[in-house]
N, C-alpha and C. Protein backbone atom coordinates (compact mmCIF):
# COMPACT_ATOMS: atom_id res chain seq x y z
N MET A 1 3.60 2.41 -14.30
CA MET A 1 2.83 2.05 -15.12
C MET A 1 2.67 0.54 -14.95
N HIS A 2 1.30 -0.02 -14.48
CA HIS A 2 1.41 -1.57 -14.60
C HIS A 2 0.56 -2.36 -15.67
N CYS A 3 1.03 -3.36 -15.89
CA CYS A 3 0.25 -3.75 -17.38
C CYS A 3 0.01 -5.28 -17.06
N GLN A 4 -1.11 -5.91 -17.30
CA GLN A 4 -1.47 -6.46 -17.03
C GLN A 4 -1.63 -7.42 -18.60
N VAL A 5 -1.16 -9.00 -18.74
CA VAL A 5 -2.03 -9.64 -19.94
C VAL A 5 -2.75 -10.15 -19.61
N THR A 6 -3.80 -10.90 -20.34
CA THR A 6 -5.00 -11.57 -20.09
C THR A 6 -5.71 -11.74 -21.25
N ALA A 7 -5.88 -13.29 -20.99
CA ALA A 7 -6.52 -13.93 -21.89
C ALA A 7 -8.10 -13.93 -22.97
N THR A 8 -8.04 -13.26 -24.12
CA THR A 8 -9.39 -13.25 -24.58
C THR A 8 -10.34 -14.77 -24.95
N PRO A 9 -11.60 -14.61 -24.78
CA PRO A 9 -12.35 -15.55 -25.19
C PRO A 9 -12.13 -16.40 -26.45
N GLU A 10 -11.63 -15.70 -27.57
CA GLU A 10 -11.40 -15.68 -28.71
C GLU A 10 -9.95 -16.34 -28.70
N GLY A 11 -9.20 -16.63 -27.55
CA GLY A 11 -8.04 -17.27 -27.68
C GLY A 11 -6.72 -16.49 -27.89
N GLY A 12 -7.13 -14.99 -27.76
CA GLY A 12 -5.83 -13.80 -28.39
C GLY A 12 -5.35 -13.33 -26.84
N ILE A 13 -4.90 -12.27 -26.85
CA ILE A 13 -4.44 -11.81 -25.91
C ILE A 13 -4.63 -10.37 -25.43
N MET A 14 -4.73 -9.65 -24.25
CA MET A 14 -5.09 -8.16 -24.35
C MET A 14 -4.24 -7.87 -23.23
N PHE A 15 -3.60 -6.92 -23.20
CA PHE A 15 -2.99 -5.86 -22.78
C PHE A 15 -3.84 -4.60 -21.63
N LEU A 16 -3.93 -5.09 -20.78
CA LEU A 16 -4.59 -3.62 -19.66
C LEU A 16 -3.11 -2.88 -18.87
N CYS A 17 -3.47 -2.00 -19.20
CA CYS A 17 -2.22 -0.67 -18.59
C CYS A 17 -2.77 0.49 -17.96
N GLY A 18 -2.16 0.70 -17.27
CA GLY A 18 -2.83 1.92 -16.06
C GLY A 18 -2.31 2.08 -15.17
N ARG A 19 -2.59 3.00 -14.22
CA ARG A 19 -2.06 2.89 -12.53
C ARG A 19 -2.63 2.48 -11.85
N PRO A 20 -2.12 1.50 -10.87
CA PRO A 20 -2.38 0.78 -9.81
C PRO A 20 -3.80 1.37 -9.04
N ARG A 21 -4.55 0.86 -8.97
CA ARG A 21 -5.50 1.49 -7.83
C ARG A 21 -5.20 1.85 -6.76
N ARG A 22 -5.49 2.60 -5.94
CA ARG A 22 -5.03 2.51 -4.51
C ARG A 22 -5.47 1.83 -3.62
N ARG A 23 -4.97 1.32 -2.43
CA ARG A 23 -5.57 0.34 -1.52
C ARG A 23 -6.39 1.59 -0.56
N PRO A 24 -7.51 0.96 0.29
CA PRO A 24 -7.77 1.86 1.27
C PRO A 24 -7.09 1.55 2.63
N CYS A 25 -7.59 2.84 3.23
CA CYS A 25 -6.90 3.34 4.25
C CYS A 25 -7.21 1.89 5.38
N HIS A 26 -6.14 1.12 6.36
CA HIS A 26 -6.17 0.21 6.94
C HIS A 26 -7.30 0.48 7.87
N HIS A 27 -7.70 1.82 8.47
CA HIS A 27 -8.37 2.09 9.49
C HIS A 27 -9.58 2.65 9.33
N CYS A 28 -9.34 3.65 8.16
CA CYS A 28 -10.99 4.07 7.47
C CYS A 28 -11.55 3.66 6.35
N GLY A 29 -10.74 3.40 5.39
CA GLY A 29 -11.16 2.64 4.57
C GLY A 29 -11.49 3.97 3.12
N GLN A 30 -10.50 5.31 3.70
CA GLN A 30 -10.59 6.45 2.40
C GLN A 30 -9.02 5.83 1.66
N PRO A 31 -8.76 6.31 0.66
CA PRO A 31 -7.91 6.19 -0.22
C PRO A 31 -6.50 6.52 0.56
N ALA A 32 -5.44 5.75 0.69
CA ALA A 32 -4.48 5.46 1.25
C ALA A 32 -3.24 6.17 0.50
N THR A 33 -2.45 7.26 0.90
CA THR A 33 -1.65 7.84 0.55
C THR A 33 -0.36 7.47 0.87
N ARG A 34 0.03 6.85 1.93
CA ARG A 34 1.40 6.21 2.75
C ARG A 34 1.54 4.86 3.07
N LEU A 35 2.19 4.30 3.42
CA LEU A 35 2.48 2.94 4.24
C LEU A 35 3.00 2.77 5.40
N CYS A 36 2.47 2.20 6.32
CA CYS A 36 3.59 1.79 7.62
C CYS A 36 4.77 1.45 7.56
N ASP A 37 5.56 2.47 8.03
CA ASP A 37 7.18 2.25 8.08
C ASP A 37 7.55 1.45 9.26
N ARG A 38 7.11 0.99 10.29
CA ARG A 38 7.61 0.35 11.26
C ARG A 38 8.29 -0.91 10.89
N THR A 39 9.36 -1.33 11.21
CA THR A 39 10.03 -2.75 10.90
C THR A 39 9.19 -3.72 11.91
N VAL A 40 8.99 -4.88 11.18
CA VAL A 40 8.32 -5.70 11.91
C VAL A 40 8.96 -6.84 11.66
N GLY A 41 9.04 -8.02 12.55
CA GLY A 41 10.44 -9.12 12.71
C GLY A 41 12.11 -8.44 13.07
N ILE A 42 12.49 -9.97 12.24
CA ILE A 42 13.85 -9.66 12.60
C ILE A 42 14.46 -9.06 11.78
N ASN A 43 14.28 -8.79 10.63
CA ASN A 43 14.69 -8.48 9.33
C ASN A 43 14.18 -6.81 9.61
N PRO A 44 15.33 -6.03 9.43
CA PRO A 44 15.39 -4.48 9.75
C PRO A 44 14.81 -3.66 8.34
N PHE A 45 14.66 -4.73 7.13
CA PHE A 45 14.48 -3.84 5.92
C PHE A 45 12.94 -4.48 5.90
N ARG A 46 12.33 -4.63 6.69
CA ARG A 46 10.89 -5.62 6.28
C ARG A 46 10.18 -4.86 7.56
N THR A 47 9.34 -4.28 6.20
CA THR A 47 8.21 -3.20 7.33
C THR A 47 6.53 -3.69 7.05
N CYS A 48 5.97 -3.01 7.96
CA CYS A 48 4.36 -3.61 7.87
C CYS A 48 3.60 -3.17 6.83
N ASP A 49 3.68 -2.15 5.94
CA ASP A 49 3.18 -1.60 5.03
C ASP A 49 1.59 -1.52 4.65
N ARG A 50 1.03 -1.47 6.24
CA ARG A 50 -0.03 -1.08 5.74
C ARG A 50 -0.83 0.07 5.45
N PRO A 51 -1.60 -0.01 4.72
CA PRO A 51 -2.27 1.41 3.42
C PRO A 51 -2.66 2.32 4.63
N LEU A 52 -2.10 3.69 4.40
CA LEU A 52 -2.48 4.68 5.35
C LEU A 52 -3.07 5.62 4.97
N CYS A 53 -4.07 6.71 5.38
CA CYS A 53 -4.42 7.89 4.69
C CYS A 53 -3.68 8.45 5.54
N ALA A 54 -3.65 10.39 4.97
CA ALA A 54 -2.69 10.94 6.21
C ALA A 54 -3.58 11.25 7.54
N ALA A 55 -4.81 11.26 7.44
CA ALA A 55 -5.50 11.45 8.70
C ALA A 55 -5.47 10.63 9.56
N CYS A 56 -5.02 9.15 9.16
CA CYS A 56 -4.90 7.81 10.08
C CYS A 56 -3.16 7.48 10.54
N ALA A 57 -2.76 7.98 9.53
CA ALA A 57 -1.12 8.14 10.06
C ALA A 57 -0.04 8.56 10.97
N ILE A 58 0.10 7.76 12.22
CA ILE A 58 0.67 8.28 13.30
C ILE A 58 2.44 8.77 12.47
N HIS A 59 2.24 10.06 12.60
CA HIS A 59 3.57 10.83 12.20
C HIS A 59 4.79 11.33 12.95
N ARG A 60 5.97 10.48 12.60
CA ARG A 60 7.06 10.49 13.32
C ARG A 60 8.23 11.22 12.96
N PRO A 61 8.99 11.74 13.96
CA PRO A 61 10.01 12.32 13.39
C PRO A 61 10.77 11.82 12.37
N GLY A 62 11.52 12.64 11.19
CA GLY A 62 12.24 11.95 10.02
C GLY A 62 11.48 11.58 9.27
N GLY A 63 10.24 11.21 8.79
CA GLY A 63 9.52 10.93 8.00
C GLY A 63 8.61 9.83 8.24
N VAL A 64 8.65 9.40 9.15
CA VAL A 64 8.22 7.99 9.39
C VAL A 64 7.06 7.90 9.88
N ASP A 65 5.60 7.13 9.05
CA ASP A 65 4.48 6.81 9.49
C ASP A 65 4.33 5.77 10.41
N SER A 66 3.45 5.53 11.13
CA SER A 66 3.36 4.05 11.50
C SER A 66 1.60 4.37 11.84
N CYS A 67 1.27 2.68 11.84
CA CYS A 67 -0.27 2.62 11.90
C CYS A 67 -0.83 3.04 13.34
N ARG A 68 -2.02 2.94 13.64
CA ARG A 68 -2.03 2.97 15.50
C ARG A 68 -1.41 1.78 16.11
N GLU A 69 -1.34 0.53 15.63
CA GLU A 69 -0.88 -0.72 16.21
C GLU A 69 0.72 -0.85 16.38
N HIS A 70 1.18 -0.04 15.42
CA HIS A 70 2.73 -0.13 15.79
C HIS A 70 3.14 1.81 16.14
N ALA A 71 2.55 2.25 16.41
CA ALA A 71 2.71 3.40 17.36
C ALA A 71 2.74 3.32 18.71
N LEU A 72 1.85 2.19 18.89
CA LEU A 72 2.21 1.95 20.98
C LEU A 72 3.77 1.67 21.10
């Protein structure tokens, strides 16, 4: 669960909690259910992380999903 603290106009504070909204797919705009797993740059632990829907993700062996740009 994600919580955000916000100031009220009266000078108090308000906690807004809930599930973070899913980002849209980078290619088609549908709700994303996965992220691009391809590494970028020289750090082997940094991944692209573009949001992708199941239809637009390029699926690779080992459960790796790629965006179109990194699938080439």
